[in-house]
Amino acid sequence: MHDRKLRVALIGAGRIGRMHAAHIAHRLPEATLAAVVDLNEEAARACAERYQARWHTRYEAVLQDSRIDAVAICTTSTTHTEIIEAAAAAGKHIFCEKPIDLTLARIDHALRCVRKAGVLLQVGFQRRFDPGFQRVRQAITAGEIGEPHSVHIISRDPSPPPIAFLASSGGLFLDMSIHDFDMAYFLLRQPIRRVYATGAVRIDPAIRQIDDVDTATVVLQCADETFVTIENSRQATFGYDQRLEVFGSRGSIRLENVYPNTTVRLVQGGLKRDNPHHFFIERYRDAYVSELRAFTEAALRGGPSPLSGEDARVSVEVGLAALHSLRTGLPVDLAPA
């Protein structure tokens, strides 16, 4: 074990930031929450006081603090690269929620800054750290199902986020589907060569006003001719719907929804069980802790990033291609890396 804890400053005390704060403070013995930053003074103070940390309203304060080893960036997507570049220049290790940014040019510039500074950058795609998805990856790499031929991913939220959030998030493909694009790449480790997307507004007419969709299907074609189909919806009335199947030459492996309990009731109306977990924080609670633990261990021990910026860039490239395909009605070919 390392002889000291990683001192982390949380930047962004919104919903996802508060969740990470709780995990750092209570579930990561190798780390300590040293400071909290948020432009909203009340949010920064409330979160910091809950975990006996310092608080600030400007992130520059923690970058200038020699008592801080690393930052966890949980701000809006359009601010990520600005903070990444500043943190790298200050010599701080960086955990950043997805996506790195909404443009490839800004991502590439930020990654150059990280490489030049020699600091650790890990991007927050928590599904990679979920035991179910990891078991699917293991089945593929071990050849349990033979050569993969196709992957089908279903990803549906229980309800749409607020319109104000959607307007700055990058939309369905860069906010929600991006997890599925990353999972396709994580499972297959194949370059994605062609993207075709179609979508519509079936849930909330206000989403059309921000030039977005709430229901979509995306088809990815990989370099080895494996196909990935992804179904997305902003509203599943029964809860958080997260399923996956990989079909191969010798069989298939499926990942089903996760439920709060495993009870099944046999009653006059038929067989019944409780709905799946309601939302991502409940469904992926342990995966969020695991990704932060991996980041902490890599930062303390000098290991490679558990999920590098170069890896995370792939899903943004695919998301931008999906958006272009949606608008043109045509498939988009991605250039070889």
C-alpha atoms as a PDB file:
ATOM      1  CA  MET A   1       0.000   0.000   0.000  1.00  0.00           C
ATOM      2  CA  HIS A   2       1.069   3.581  -0.610  1.00  0.00           C
ATOM      3  CA  ASP A   3       2.014   5.460   2.524  1.00  0.00           C
ATOM      4  CA  ARG A   4      -0.340   8.410   1.976  1.00  0.00           C
ATOM      5  CA  LYS A   5      -3.706   9.273   0.511  1.00  0.00           C
ATOM      6  CA  LEU A   6      -4.381  10.973  -2.800  1.00  0.00           C
ATOM      7  CA  ARG A   7      -5.659  14.482  -2.029  1.00  0.00           C
ATOM      8  CA  VAL A   8      -8.463  15.241  -4.476  1.00  0.00           C
ATOM      9  CA  ALA A   9     -10.252  18.495  -5.273  1.00  0.00           C
ATOM     10  CA  LEU A  10     -13.756  18.123  -6.701  1.00  0.00           C
ATOM     11  CA  ILE A  11     -14.585  20.705  -9.380  1.00  0.00           C
ATOM     12  CA  GLY A  12     -18.332  20.903  -9.911  1.00  0.00           C
ATOM     13  CA  ALA A  13     -20.757  20.144  -7.075  1.00  0.00           C
ATOM     14  CA  GLY A  14     -23.811  19.202  -9.111  1.00  0.00           C
ATOM     15  CA  ARG A  15     -25.535  15.817  -8.998  1.00  0.00           C
ATOM     16  CA  ILE A  16     -22.671  13.749 -10.389  1.00  0.00           C
ATOM     17  CA  GLY A  17     -20.106  15.768  -8.440  1.00  0.00           C
ATOM     18  CA  ARG A  18     -21.879  15.244  -5.130  1.00  0.00           C
ATOM     19  CA  MET A  19     -22.010  11.522  -5.815  1.00  0.00           C
ATOM     20  CA  HIS A  20     -18.263  11.405  -6.464  1.00  0.00           C
ATOM     21  CA  ALA A  21     -17.658  13.477  -3.326  1.00  0.00           C
ATOM     22  CA  ALA A  22     -19.509  10.931  -1.205  1.00  0.00           C
ATOM     23  CA  HIS A  23     -17.571   8.049  -2.732  1.00  0.00           C
ATOM     24  CA  ILE A  24     -14.190   9.738  -2.260  1.00  0.00           C
ATOM     25  CA  ALA A  25     -15.011  10.645   1.326  1.00  0.00           C
ATOM     26  CA  HIS A  26     -16.596   7.379   2.444  1.00  0.00           C
ATOM     27  CA  ARG A  27     -15.671   4.528   0.094  1.00  0.00           C
ATOM     28  CA  LEU A  28     -12.078   5.219  -0.969  1.00  0.00           C
ATOM     29  CA  PRO A  29      -9.654   4.775   1.940  1.00  0.00           C
ATOM     30  CA  GLU A  30      -6.763   5.548  -0.430  1.00  0.00           C
ATOM     31  CA  ALA A  31      -8.091   9.066  -1.152  1.00  0.00           C
ATOM     32  CA  THR A  32      -9.353  12.095   0.704  1.00  0.00           C
ATOM     33  CA  LEU A  33     -11.674  14.871  -0.438  1.00  0.00           C
ATOM     34  CA  ALA A  34      -9.529  17.924   0.248  1.00  0.00           C
ATOM     35  CA  ALA A  35     -11.535  20.675  -1.461  1.00  0.00           C
ATOM     36  CA  VAL A  36     -14.720  21.404  -3.382  1.00  0.00           C
ATOM     37  CA  VAL A  37     -15.111  24.001  -6.143  1.00  0.00           C
ATOM     38  CA  ASP A  38     -18.309  25.330  -7.648  1.00  0.00           C
ATOM     39  CA  LEU A  39     -19.267  28.679  -9.163  1.00  0.00           C
ATOM     40  CA  ASN A  40     -22.330  28.543  -6.925  1.00  0.00           C
ATOM     41  CA  GLU A  41     -20.995  29.488  -3.487  1.00  0.00           C
ATOM     42  CA  GLU A  42     -23.866  27.800  -1.657  1.00  0.00           C
ATOM     43  CA  ALA A  43     -23.332  24.516  -3.530  1.00  0.00           C
ATOM     44  CA  ALA A  44     -19.573  24.574  -2.912  1.00  0.00           C
ATOM     45  CA  ARG A  45     -19.947  25.338   0.775  1.00  0.00           C
ATOM     46  CA  ALA A  46     -22.686  22.787   1.411  1.00  0.00           C
ATOM     47  CA  CYS A  47     -20.789  19.952  -0.246  1.00  0.00           C
ATOM     48  CA  ALA A  48     -17.474  20.861   1.387  1.00  0.00           C
ATOM     49  CA  GLU A  49     -18.911  21.222   4.874  1.00  0.00           C
ATOM     50  CA  ARG A  50     -20.602  17.845   4.614  1.00  0.00           C
ATOM     51  CA  TYR A  51     -17.217  16.164   4.134  1.00  0.00           C
ATOM     52  CA  GLN A  52     -15.021  18.561   6.174  1.00  0.00           C
ATOM     53  CA  ALA A  53     -13.247  19.904   3.081  1.00  0.00           C
ATOM     54  CA  ARG A  54     -12.157  23.381   1.992  1.00  0.00           C
ATOM     55  CA  TRP A  55     -14.285  25.158  -0.605  1.00  0.00           C
ATOM     56  CA  HIS A  56     -13.763  27.688  -3.399  1.00  0.00           C
ATOM     57  CA  THR A  57     -15.753  29.269  -6.205  1.00  0.00           C
ATOM     58  CA  ARG A  58     -12.876  29.298  -8.730  1.00  0.00           C
ATOM     59  CA  TYR A  59     -10.942  26.223  -9.795  1.00  0.00           C
ATOM     60  CA  GLU A  60      -7.692  28.216 -10.071  1.00  0.00           C
ATOM     61  CA  ALA A  61      -7.522  28.215  -6.281  1.00  0.00           C
ATOM     62  CA  VAL A  62      -7.049  24.455  -6.027  1.00  0.00           C
ATOM     63  CA  LEU A  63      -4.613  24.338  -8.954  1.00  0.00           C
ATOM     64  CA  GLN A  64      -2.354  26.749  -7.057  1.00  0.00           C
ATOM     65  CA  ASP A  65      -2.622  24.691  -3.849  1.00  0.00           C
ATOM     66  CA  SER A  66       0.366  22.402  -3.233  1.00  0.00           C
ATOM     67  CA  ARG A  67      -1.801  20.328  -0.893  1.00  0.00           C
ATOM     68  CA  ILE A  68      -3.871  19.087  -3.843  1.00  0.00           C
ATOM     69  CA  ASP A  69      -2.627  16.087  -5.862  1.00  0.00           C
ATOM     70  CA  ALA A  70      -5.517  15.586  -8.267  1.00  0.00           C
ATOM     71  CA  VAL A  71      -8.776  17.051  -9.510  1.00  0.00           C
ATOM     72  CA  ALA A  72     -12.090  15.403 -10.372  1.00  0.00           C
ATOM     73  CA  ILE A  73     -13.815  17.473 -13.062  1.00  0.00           C
ATOM     74  CA  CYS A  74     -17.613  17.261 -12.919  1.00  0.00           C
ATOM     75  CA  THR A  75     -18.583  20.521 -14.621  1.00  0.00           C
ATOM     76  CA  THR A  76     -20.551  21.046 -17.836  1.00  0.00           C
ATOM     77  CA  SER A  77     -19.090  19.370 -20.931  1.00  0.00           C
ATOM     78  CA  THR A  78     -18.075  22.620 -22.623  1.00  0.00           C
ATOM     79  CA  THR A  79     -15.740  23.535 -19.729  1.00  0.00           C
ATOM     80  CA  HIS A  80     -13.816  20.264 -19.479  1.00  0.00           C
ATOM     81  CA  THR A  81     -10.864  20.961 -21.763  1.00  0.00           C
ATOM     82  CA  GLU A  82     -10.227  24.411 -20.264  1.00  0.00           C
ATOM     83  CA  ILE A  83      -9.878  22.865 -16.810  1.00  0.00           C
ATOM     84  CA  ILE A  84      -7.930  19.843 -18.079  1.00  0.00           C
ATOM     85  CA  GLU A  85      -5.331  22.085 -19.696  1.00  0.00           C
ATOM     86  CA  ALA A  86      -4.999  24.278 -16.618  1.00  0.00           C
ATOM     87  CA  ALA A  87      -4.756  21.275 -14.290  1.00  0.00           C
ATOM     88  CA  ALA A  88      -2.118  19.646 -16.483  1.00  0.00           C
ATOM     89  CA  ALA A  89      -0.060  22.823 -16.481  1.00  0.00           C
ATOM     90  CA  ALA A  90      -0.297  22.842 -12.684  1.00  0.00           C
ATOM     91  CA  GLY A  91       0.938  19.251 -12.469  1.00  0.00           C
ATOM     92  CA  LYS A  92      -2.299  17.797 -11.099  1.00  0.00           C
ATOM     93  CA  HIS A  93      -3.588  14.362 -12.007  1.00  0.00           C
ATOM     94  CA  ILE A  94      -7.001  14.528 -13.673  1.00  0.00           C
ATOM     95  CA  PHE A  95     -10.194  12.525 -13.489  1.00  0.00           C
ATOM     96  CA  CYS A  96     -12.753  13.994 -15.899  1.00  0.00           C
ATOM     97  CA  GLU A  97     -16.368  13.073 -16.482  1.00  0.00           C
ATOM     98  CA  LYS A  98     -17.300  12.272 -20.084  1.00  0.00           C
ATOM     99  CA  PRO A  99     -17.076  13.655 -22.681  1.00  0.00           C
ATOM    100  CA  ILE A 100     -13.675  15.323 -22.755  1.00  0.00           C
ATOM    101  CA  ASP A 101     -15.236  17.960 -24.998  1.00  0.00           C
ATOM    102  CA  LEU A 102     -17.765  18.315 -27.808  1.00  0.00           C
ATOM    103  CA  THR A 103     -15.190  18.973 -30.559  1.00  0.00           C
ATOM    104  CA  LEU A 104     -12.251  16.840 -31.654  1.00  0.00           C
ATOM    105  CA  ALA A 105      -9.975  19.842 -32.102  1.00  0.00           C
ATOM    106  CA  ARG A 106     -10.342  20.884 -28.476  1.00  0.00           C
ATOM    107  CA  ILE A 107      -9.906  17.298 -27.315  1.00  0.00           C
ATOM    108  CA  ASP A 108      -6.700  16.909 -29.303  1.00  0.00           C
ATOM    109  CA  HIS A 109      -5.265  20.128 -27.892  1.00  0.00           C
ATOM    110  CA  ALA A 110      -6.092  19.071 -24.336  1.00  0.00           C
ATOM    111  CA  LEU A 111      -4.505  15.655 -24.837  1.00  0.00           C
ATOM    112  CA  ARG A 112      -1.328  17.277 -26.110  1.00  0.00           C
ATOM    113  CA  CYS A 113      -1.236  19.379 -22.939  1.00  0.00           C
ATOM    114  CA  VAL A 114      -1.669  16.273 -20.793  1.00  0.00           C
ATOM    115  CA  ARG A 115       1.114  14.405 -22.580  1.00  0.00           C
ATOM    116  CA  LYS A 116       3.443  17.376 -22.330  1.00  0.00           C
ATOM    117  CA  ALA A 117       2.815  17.720 -18.591  1.00  0.00           C
ATOM    118  CA  GLY A 118       3.212  14.004 -17.943  1.00  0.00           C
ATOM    119  CA  VAL A 119       0.171  13.815 -15.668  1.00  0.00           C
ATOM    120  CA  LEU A 120      -2.480  11.109 -15.466  1.00  0.00           C
ATOM    121  CA  LEU A 121      -5.813  11.625 -17.232  1.00  0.00           C
ATOM    122  CA  GLN A 122      -8.707   9.219 -16.757  1.00  0.00           C
ATOM    123  CA  VAL A 123     -12.117   9.791 -18.347  1.00  0.00           C
ATOM    124  CA  GLY A 124     -15.288   8.689 -16.579  1.00  0.00           C
ATOM    125  CA  PHE A 125     -16.984   5.911 -18.529  1.00  0.00           C
ATOM    126  CA  GLN A 126     -18.104   3.948 -15.489  1.00  0.00           C
ATOM    127  CA  ARG A 127     -19.748   1.065 -17.379  1.00  0.00           C
ATOM    128  CA  ARG A 128     -16.305  -0.351 -18.185  1.00  0.00           C
ATOM    129  CA  PHE A 129     -15.899  -0.980 -14.453  1.00  0.00           C
ATOM    130  CA  ASP A 130     -19.211  -2.787 -13.994  1.00  0.00           C
ATOM    131  CA  PRO A 131     -18.785  -6.552 -13.309  1.00  0.00           C
ATOM    132  CA  GLY A 132     -21.440  -7.474 -15.891  1.00  0.00           C
ATOM    133  CA  PHE A 133     -19.828  -5.589 -18.769  1.00  0.00           C
ATOM    134  CA  GLN A 134     -16.401  -6.812 -17.683  1.00  0.00           C
ATOM    135  CA  ARG A 135     -17.659 -10.406 -17.823  1.00  0.00           C
ATOM    136  CA  VAL A 136     -18.899  -9.845 -21.374  1.00  0.00           C
ATOM    137  CA  ARG A 137     -15.487  -8.473 -22.320  1.00  0.00           C
ATOM    138  CA  GLN A 138     -13.839 -11.510 -20.722  1.00  0.00           C
ATOM    139  CA  ALA A 139     -16.056 -13.878 -22.735  1.00  0.00           C
ATOM    140  CA  ILE A 140     -15.015 -12.152 -25.950  1.00  0.00           C
ATOM    141  CA  THR A 141     -11.282 -12.046 -25.230  1.00  0.00           C
ATOM    142  CA  ALA A 142     -11.245 -15.658 -24.001  1.00  0.00           C
ATOM    143  CA  GLY A 143     -13.015 -16.856 -27.145  1.00  0.00           C
ATOM    144  CA  GLU A 144     -15.957 -18.302 -25.212  1.00  0.00           C
ATOM    145  CA  ILE A 145     -18.429 -17.282 -27.916  1.00  0.00           C
ATOM    146  CA  GLY A 146     -16.029 -17.555 -30.827  1.00  0.00           C
ATOM    147  CA  GLU A 147     -15.552 -14.666 -33.224  1.00  0.00           C
ATOM    148  CA  PRO A 148     -18.035 -11.832 -32.560  1.00  0.00           C
ATOM    149  CA  HIS A 149     -20.394 -11.199 -35.456  1.00  0.00           C
ATOM    150  CA  SER A 150     -22.815  -8.669 -34.013  1.00  0.00           C
ATOM    151  CA  VAL A 151     -23.546  -6.671 -30.861  1.00  0.00           C
ATOM    152  CA  HIS A 152     -26.912  -5.307 -29.813  1.00  0.00           C
ATOM    153  CA  ILE A 153     -27.082  -2.627 -27.114  1.00  0.00           C
ATOM    154  CA  ILE A 154     -30.276  -1.289 -25.542  1.00  0.00           C
ATOM    155  CA  SER A 155     -29.924   1.882 -23.477  1.00  0.00           C
ATOM    156  CA  ARG A 156     -33.005   3.730 -22.251  1.00  0.00           C
ATOM    157  CA  ASP A 157     -33.374   6.330 -19.503  1.00  0.00           C
ATOM    158  CA  PRO A 158     -36.471   6.515 -17.285  1.00  0.00           C
ATOM    159  CA  SER A 159     -37.144  10.148 -18.276  1.00  0.00           C
ATOM    160  CA  PRO A 160     -35.468  12.987 -20.195  1.00  0.00           C
ATOM    161  CA  PRO A 161     -33.148  15.420 -18.390  1.00  0.00           C
ATOM    162  CA  PRO A 162     -34.181  19.094 -18.177  1.00  0.00           C
ATOM    163  CA  ILE A 163     -34.129  20.934 -21.498  1.00  0.00           C
ATOM    164  CA  ALA A 164     -31.594  23.422 -20.145  1.00  0.00           C
ATOM    165  CA  PHE A 165     -29.163  20.560 -19.540  1.00  0.00           C
ATOM    166  CA  LEU A 166     -29.775  18.969 -22.929  1.00  0.00           C
ATOM    167  CA  ALA A 167     -29.138  22.249 -24.731  1.00  0.00           C
ATOM    168  CA  SER A 168     -25.510  22.323 -23.515  1.00  0.00           C
ATOM    169  CA  SER A 169     -24.792  18.595 -23.226  1.00  0.00           C
ATOM    170  CA  GLY A 170     -24.154  17.841 -26.887  1.00  0.00           C
ATOM    171  CA  GLY A 171     -27.502  16.108 -27.283  1.00  0.00           C
ATOM    172  CA  LEU A 172     -28.516  12.464 -27.324  1.00  0.00           C
ATOM    173  CA  PHE A 173     -25.432  11.152 -29.127  1.00  0.00           C
ATOM    174  CA  LEU A 174     -22.780  13.020 -27.102  1.00  0.00           C
ATOM    175  CA  ASP A 175     -24.513  12.821 -23.746  1.00  0.00           C
ATOM    176  CA  MET A 176     -26.331   9.487 -23.652  1.00  0.00           C
ATOM    177  CA  SER A 177     -25.374   7.276 -26.616  1.00  0.00           C
ATOM    178  CA  ILE A 178     -21.716   8.095 -26.003  1.00  0.00           C
ATOM    179  CA  HIS A 179     -21.685   5.437 -23.269  1.00  0.00           C
ATOM    180  CA  ASP A 180     -22.844   2.859 -25.805  1.00  0.00           C
ATOM    181  CA  PHE A 181     -20.262   3.951 -28.375  1.00  0.00           C
ATOM    182  CA  ASP A 182     -17.577   3.578 -25.715  1.00  0.00           C
ATOM    183  CA  MET A 183     -18.906   0.158 -24.711  1.00  0.00           C
ATOM    184  CA  ALA A 184     -18.831  -1.066 -28.306  1.00  0.00           C
ATOM    185  CA  TYR A 185     -15.183  -0.033 -28.563  1.00  0.00           C
ATOM    186  CA  PHE A 186     -14.335  -1.458 -25.124  1.00  0.00           C
ATOM    187  CA  LEU A 187     -15.849  -4.848 -25.922  1.00  0.00           C
ATOM    188  CA  LEU A 188     -14.578  -5.303 -29.466  1.00  0.00           C
ATOM    189  CA  ARG A 189     -11.387  -3.183 -29.487  1.00  0.00           C
ATOM    190  CA  GLN A 190     -11.955  -2.727 -33.204  1.00  0.00           C
ATOM    191  CA  PRO A 191     -11.760   0.585 -35.092  1.00  0.00           C
ATOM    192  CA  ILE A 192     -15.219   1.834 -36.068  1.00  0.00           C
ATOM    193  CA  ARG A 193     -15.300   2.523 -39.777  1.00  0.00           C
ATOM    194  CA  ARG A 194     -18.920   3.432 -40.622  1.00  0.00           C
ATOM    195  CA  VAL A 195     -21.736   5.088 -38.640  1.00  0.00           C
ATOM    196  CA  TYR A 196     -25.398   5.346 -39.593  1.00  0.00           C
ATOM    197  CA  ALA A 197     -27.974   6.989 -37.326  1.00  0.00           C
ATOM    198  CA  THR A 198     -31.659   7.705 -37.498  1.00  0.00           C
ATOM    199  CA  GLY A 199     -33.869   9.283 -34.869  1.00  0.00           C
ATOM    200  CA  ALA A 200     -37.036  11.159 -34.028  1.00  0.00           C
ATOM    201  CA  VAL A 201     -38.802  13.097 -31.284  1.00  0.00           C
ATOM    202  CA  ARG A 202     -41.356  10.732 -29.752  1.00  0.00           C
ATOM    203  CA  ILE A 203     -41.384  11.834 -26.115  1.00  0.00           C
ATOM    204  CA  ASP A 204     -41.006  15.582 -25.571  1.00  0.00           C
ATOM    205  CA  PRO A 205     -41.718  18.125 -28.378  1.00  0.00           C
ATOM    206  CA  ALA A 206     -39.454  20.640 -26.595  1.00  0.00           C
ATOM    207  CA  ILE A 207     -36.472  18.497 -27.560  1.00  0.00           C
ATOM    208  CA  ARG A 208     -37.148  19.299 -31.208  1.00  0.00           C
ATOM    209  CA  GLN A 209     -36.724  22.993 -30.408  1.00  0.00           C
ATOM    210  CA  ILE A 210     -33.063  22.418 -29.473  1.00  0.00           C
ATOM    211  CA  ASP A 211     -32.453  20.429 -32.673  1.00  0.00           C
ATOM    212  CA  ASP A 212     -32.162  17.095 -30.888  1.00  0.00           C
ATOM    213  CA  VAL A 213     -33.970  13.740 -30.811  1.00  0.00           C
ATOM    214  CA  ASP A 214     -35.120  11.577 -27.915  1.00  0.00           C
ATOM    215  CA  THR A 215     -35.400   8.221 -29.730  1.00  0.00           C
ATOM    216  CA  ALA A 216     -32.703   6.817 -31.999  1.00  0.00           C
ATOM    217  CA  THR A 217     -31.119   3.769 -33.568  1.00  0.00           C
ATOM    218  CA  VAL A 218     -27.443   3.751 -34.539  1.00  0.00           C
ATOM    219  CA  VAL A 219     -25.593   1.128 -36.582  1.00  0.00           C
ATOM    220  CA  LEU A 220     -21.809   0.861 -36.339  1.00  0.00           C
ATOM    221  CA  GLN A 221     -19.657  -1.179 -38.700  1.00  0.00           C
ATOM    222  CA  CYS A 222     -16.242  -2.122 -37.374  1.00  0.00           C
ATOM    223  CA  ALA A 223     -13.057  -2.661 -39.319  1.00  0.00           C
ATOM    224  CA  ASP A 224     -13.436  -6.464 -39.012  1.00  0.00           C
ATOM    225  CA  GLU A 225     -17.055  -6.312 -40.307  1.00  0.00           C
ATOM    226  CA  THR A 226     -18.628  -6.782 -36.869  1.00  0.00           C
ATOM    227  CA  PHE A 227     -21.899  -4.837 -36.662  1.00  0.00           C
ATOM    228  CA  VAL A 228     -23.205  -3.006 -33.594  1.00  0.00           C
ATOM    229  CA  THR A 229     -26.811  -1.850 -33.324  1.00  0.00           C
ATOM    230  CA  ILE A 230     -27.741   0.570 -30.554  1.00  0.00           C
ATOM    231  CA  GLU A 231     -31.260   1.477 -29.445  1.00  0.00           C
ATOM    232  CA  ASN A 232     -31.677   4.643 -27.376  1.00  0.00           C
ATOM    233  CA  SER A 233     -34.681   6.268 -25.754  1.00  0.00           C
ATOM    234  CA  ARG A 234     -34.982   9.096 -23.269  1.00  0.00           C
ATOM    235  CA  GLN A 235     -38.000   7.484 -21.589  1.00  0.00           C
ATOM    236  CA  ALA A 236     -38.633   3.949 -20.376  1.00  0.00           C
ATOM    237  CA  THR A 237     -41.591   4.050 -18.021  1.00  0.00           C
ATOM    238  CA  PHE A 238     -40.474   0.927 -16.154  1.00  0.00           C
ATOM    239  CA  GLY A 239     -37.021   2.202 -15.131  1.00  0.00           C
ATOM    240  CA  TYR A 240     -33.407   2.239 -16.303  1.00  0.00           C
ATOM    241  CA  ASP A 241     -33.185  -0.207 -19.215  1.00  0.00           C
ATOM    242  CA  GLN A 242     -29.615  -1.417 -19.866  1.00  0.00           C
ATOM    243  CA  ARG A 243     -29.218  -4.630 -21.846  1.00  0.00           C
ATOM    244  CA  LEU A 244     -26.681  -6.070 -24.238  1.00  0.00           C
ATOM    245  CA  GLU A 245     -26.038  -9.164 -26.354  1.00  0.00           C
ATOM    246  CA  VAL A 246     -22.930 -10.222 -28.243  1.00  0.00           C
ATOM    247  CA  PHE A 247     -23.509 -12.926 -30.849  1.00  0.00           C
ATOM    248  CA  GLY A 248     -20.543 -14.914 -32.079  1.00  0.00           C
ATOM    249  CA  SER A 249     -19.528 -17.885 -34.204  1.00  0.00           C
ATOM    250  CA  ARG A 250     -19.748 -20.287 -31.244  1.00  0.00           C
ATOM    251  CA  GLY A 251     -22.525 -18.774 -29.171  1.00  0.00           C
ATOM    252  CA  SER A 252     -23.681 -15.569 -27.515  1.00  0.00           C
ATOM    253  CA  ILE A 253     -23.527 -13.778 -24.185  1.00  0.00           C
ATOM    254  CA  ARG A 254     -26.249 -11.523 -22.807  1.00  0.00           C
ATOM    255  CA  LEU A 255     -26.283  -8.914 -20.075  1.00  0.00           C
ATOM    256  CA  GLU A 256     -29.694  -8.235 -18.557  1.00  0.00           C
ATOM    257  CA  ASN A 257     -31.070  -5.437 -16.415  1.00  0.00           C
ATOM    258  CA  VAL A 258     -30.033  -5.213 -12.772  1.00  0.00           C
ATOM    259  CA  TYR A 259     -32.813  -5.248 -10.176  1.00  0.00           C
ATOM    260  CA  PRO A 260     -32.912  -3.954  -6.589  1.00  0.00           C
ATOM    261  CA  ASN A 261     -33.858  -7.492  -5.486  1.00  0.00           C
ATOM    262  CA  THR A 262     -34.314 -10.932  -7.006  1.00  0.00           C
ATOM    263  CA  THR A 263     -37.805 -11.703  -5.717  1.00  0.00           C
ATOM    264  CA  VAL A 264     -40.424 -13.094  -8.090  1.00  0.00           C
ATOM    265  CA  ARG A 265     -44.114 -13.248  -7.141  1.00  0.00           C
ATOM    266  CA  LEU A 266     -46.552 -15.824  -8.472  1.00  0.00           C
ATOM    267  CA  VAL A 267     -50.043 -14.360  -8.096  1.00  0.00           C
ATOM    268  CA  GLN A 268     -53.407 -14.621  -9.783  1.00  0.00           C
ATOM    269  CA  GLY A 269     -52.468 -11.954 -12.332  1.00  0.00           C
ATOM    270  CA  GLY A 270     -49.336 -13.843 -13.358  1.00  0.00           C
ATOM    271  CA  LEU A 271     -45.615 -13.790 -12.583  1.00  0.00           C
ATOM    272  CA  LYS A 272     -44.391 -10.430 -11.277  1.00  0.00           C
ATOM    273  CA  ARG A 273     -41.186  -8.830 -10.069  1.00  0.00           C
ATOM    274  CA  ASP A 274     -40.077  -5.337  -9.131  1.00  0.00           C
ATOM    275  CA  ASN A 275     -38.830  -2.980 -11.841  1.00  0.00           C
ATOM    276  CA  PRO A 276     -35.102  -2.516 -12.620  1.00  0.00           C
ATOM    277  CA  HIS A 277     -33.103   0.128 -10.812  1.00  0.00           C
ATOM    278  CA  HIS A 278     -34.640   3.509 -11.543  1.00  0.00           C
ATOM    279  CA  PHE A 279     -31.569   5.414 -12.721  1.00  0.00           C
ATOM    280  CA  PHE A 280     -27.841   5.293 -13.448  1.00  0.00           C
ATOM    281  CA  ILE A 281     -26.647   6.323  -9.985  1.00  0.00           C
ATOM    282  CA  GLU A 282     -28.338   3.292  -8.434  1.00  0.00           C
ATOM    283  CA  ARG A 283     -27.514   0.902 -11.288  1.00  0.00           C
ATOM    284  CA  TYR A 284     -23.817   1.786 -11.445  1.00  0.00           C
ATOM    285  CA  ARG A 285     -23.123   2.742  -7.825  1.00  0.00           C
ATOM    286  CA  ASP A 286     -20.303   0.232  -7.380  1.00  0.00           C
ATOM    287  CA  ALA A 287     -18.890   0.871 -10.863  1.00  0.00           C
ATOM    288  CA  TYR A 288     -18.481   4.558 -10.018  1.00  0.00           C
ATOM    289  CA  VAL A 289     -16.487   3.605  -6.931  1.00  0.00           C
ATOM    290  CA  SER A 290     -14.374   1.141  -8.912  1.00  0.00           C
ATOM    291  CA  GLU A 291     -13.414   3.710 -11.550  1.00  0.00           C
ATOM    292  CA  LEU A 292     -12.318   6.187  -8.875  1.00  0.00           C
ATOM    293  CA  ARG A 293     -10.368   3.473  -7.082  1.00  0.00           C
ATOM    294  CA  ALA A 294      -8.581   2.623 -10.325  1.00  0.00           C
ATOM    295  CA  PHE A 295      -7.755   6.306 -10.837  1.00  0.00           C
ATOM    296  CA  THR A 296      -6.490   6.681  -7.276  1.00  0.00           C
ATOM    297  CA  GLU A 297      -4.245   3.631  -7.479  1.00  0.00           C
ATOM    298  CA  ALA A 298      -2.804   4.691 -10.832  1.00  0.00           C
ATOM    299  CA  ALA A 299      -2.107   8.216  -9.562  1.00  0.00           C
ATOM    300  CA  LEU A 300      -0.452   7.009  -6.349  1.00  0.00           C
ATOM    301  CA  ARG A 301       1.617   4.268  -7.946  1.00  0.00           C
ATOM    302  CA  GLY A 302       2.464   5.880 -11.261  1.00  0.00           C
ATOM    303  CA  GLY A 303       0.572   3.385 -13.392  1.00  0.00           C
ATOM    304  CA  PRO A 304      -0.984   3.963 -16.810  1.00  0.00           C
ATOM    305  CA  SER A 305      -4.419   5.509 -17.130  1.00  0.00           C
ATOM    306  CA  PRO A 306      -7.226   2.968 -16.647  1.00  0.00           C
ATOM    307  CA  LEU A 307      -9.168   4.828 -19.368  1.00  0.00           C
ATOM    308  CA  SER A 308      -7.039   7.218 -21.374  1.00  0.00           C
ATOM    309  CA  GLY A 309      -8.016  10.358 -23.195  1.00  0.00           C
ATOM    310  CA  GLU A 310      -7.121   8.710 -26.497  1.00  0.00           C
ATOM    311  CA  ASP A 311      -9.555   5.880 -25.729  1.00  0.00           C
ATOM    312  CA  ALA A 312     -12.272   8.338 -24.703  1.00  0.00           C
ATOM    313  CA  ARG A 313     -11.792  10.363 -27.891  1.00  0.00           C
ATOM    314  CA  VAL A 314     -13.157   7.461 -29.961  1.00  0.00           C
ATOM    315  CA  SER A 315     -16.690   7.768 -28.580  1.00  0.00           C
ATOM    316  CA  VAL A 316     -16.809  11.504 -29.321  1.00  0.00           C
ATOM    317  CA  GLU A 317     -15.685  10.910 -32.895  1.00  0.00           C
ATOM    318  CA  VAL A 318     -18.431   8.310 -33.310  1.00  0.00           C
ATOM    319  CA  GLY A 319     -20.998  10.604 -31.657  1.00  0.00           C
ATOM    320  CA  LEU A 320     -20.199  13.468 -34.007  1.00  0.00           C
ATOM    321  CA  ALA A 321     -20.452  11.095 -36.971  1.00  0.00           C
ATOM    322  CA  ALA A 322     -23.838   9.863 -35.716  1.00  0.00           C
ATOM    323  CA  LEU A 323     -25.073  13.450 -35.467  1.00  0.00           C
ATOM    324  CA  HIS A 324     -23.916  14.167 -39.037  1.00  0.00           C
ATOM    325  CA  SER A 325     -25.581  10.978 -40.260  1.00  0.00           C
ATOM    326  CA  LEU A 326     -28.841  11.915 -38.536  1.00  0.00           C
ATOM    327  CA  ARG A 327     -28.873  15.315 -40.220  1.00  0.00           C
ATOM    328  CA  THR A 328     -27.941  14.098 -43.702  1.00  0.00           C
ATOM    329  CA  GLY A 329     -29.693  10.729 -43.699  1.00  0.00           C
ATOM    330  CA  LEU A 330     -26.475   9.124 -44.986  1.00  0.00           C
ATOM    331  CA  PRO A 331     -23.868   6.824 -43.432  1.00  0.00           C
ATOM    332  CA  VAL A 332     -20.607   8.447 -42.407  1.00  0.00           C
ATOM    333  CA  ASP A 333     -17.255   6.784 -43.024  1.00  0.00           C
ATOM    334  CA  LEU A 334     -14.524   7.362 -40.448  1.00  0.00           C
ATOM    335  CA  ALA A 335     -10.945   7.664 -41.599  1.00  0.00           C
ATOM    336  CA  PRO A 336      -8.456   5.046 -40.325  1.00  0.00           C
ATOM    337  CA  ALA A 337      -6.529   6.231 -37.283  1.00  0.00           C
END
